[in-house]
Each structure stands twice: as C-alpha cells, then as structure tokens.
Amino acid sequence: MTAPEGRGIGTVHRAVDSFRILHVSTGNVCRSPITERLTRHALSDRLGDPFSGGLIVESAGTWGHEGAPMEANAAAVLADFGADATGFTGRELLDEHVITADLVLTATRDHRAQVISMGHSAGLRTFTLKEFTRLVRAIDPATLPDPLQEGMVERARALVRAAAALRGWLLAPSVEADEVNDPYGAPITFFRSIGDEINQALDPVVTALTGVPTHH
C-alpha cells in the first residue's frame, strides 16, 4: 500500500535508543486511550515520574476520530485508577505509526489483522493485548536482558522476540480469550469492567518490560 503524498514515510524509521508501544482500538476514544494512559501510569508507578528508559507509549484507532477527546466514561475510569486523562486527542492509525512502533498491542484480533495488513513487517510485533499478556506470562524473566545492565529498550525488544516465537505454540484457550470488548456507548459500570480487564492484562506486561514488580 503506498502512502499518501506528504506524510514523509520514507524518512520514518525506528529509533535505536527508544522503544515505542502503540495501543490500537477502533475509535481511539475508549479502549486505546484507557490502555495508553494505564500503561503510562503503571510505568510511572514502577520507574518513577517522569519514567524514562526509552519507553514511549502512544495510541491510535483504525477508524480513529482524529483530534477527538476521549469518551467521558473512559476519563472517569482512568480517574478511578489515579491515572492521568488530560491532554489526550484521538488519532487515526497511519502507516508511520506502525513503522515506528516496536510493539503494537490491539484491543481485538480484528484490529491486529488490520495493523498487519498495512505491511511494514508488522506481524512479528503486533499482538492483541490479552494475547501478549498470555505469552509474556510463559516467558522466564531470567532469560531477558537485565534492564539495569543492558537497558530497558534491549529488554523490551527481547521480550517481543520471545513472545513472537511462542505465539504458534501457546494458543488461545478460546476465541474470545484474546479480545477486549468495545464499551463505546455503554454505561460507566461496563467501562469500569473493561478498565479492570485492561489493567489486569497490562500488569504482567509492564512487570516483564521493566523487571520491576507491582508495588502492593
């Protein structure tokens, strides 16, 4: 697929000293904003604020509402977790977002298929969030680079490679197991259950990325 003129695709490349995590849903107003901001919140919790280590967390939507604020219920869910909902604007998923991402985590298998169909060798670094969680749980953290010695970027890249290698061996227990359902237009109670689901899925991922467990 050729990119529209003027987007500068030719100059976009993945930075060596950073690791970009891209969360993808449909509208980029409910699930992916919640996931983006909960990831940032978890990283701040483990690494201090502002967290560094080269990790960058972003989001976009396959039918993204460009420039739109996140849904009010999504912001309310983030407030429940003490996460920051300010300054968010929705984005439509573009080629350059996929090209520069080191890890793409999607809400559903359909989103995953859409990202992979964009090309850019995205298959090996694109997973649904819950699929990635399942794979990460099966990876022995001792086999990953030590973030203090080799840096978090190296650790994160090794984690993605290990997860991609496991994918064909560790299949989903059910079709629904890898999906995060869309709460768009639903009452706050459903948004809260989706927020809990996302938060639980992110916890082992952030632990694996950083080598720092949750503070209890």
Foldseek 3Di string as FASTA:
>chain_A
DDADPPPPLVPFAADPQAAEEEEEEAAQQAQRLLLQQLLCVQQCQQQNPPRPLRYHYYYAYCNYPFFDAHDPLRCVLCVVVVTDRPPDGYHHDDPSVLRHHLAYEYQAVVVQVVSVVSPNVSNLRYAHLQLLLQLLVVDDLVVFDQCVPPTLNRRLNVSSNSSSVCDVPDDDPDNCRRHQDDCVPHDSVSSNVSSVVSSVSCQSVSCSSNVGHGDD
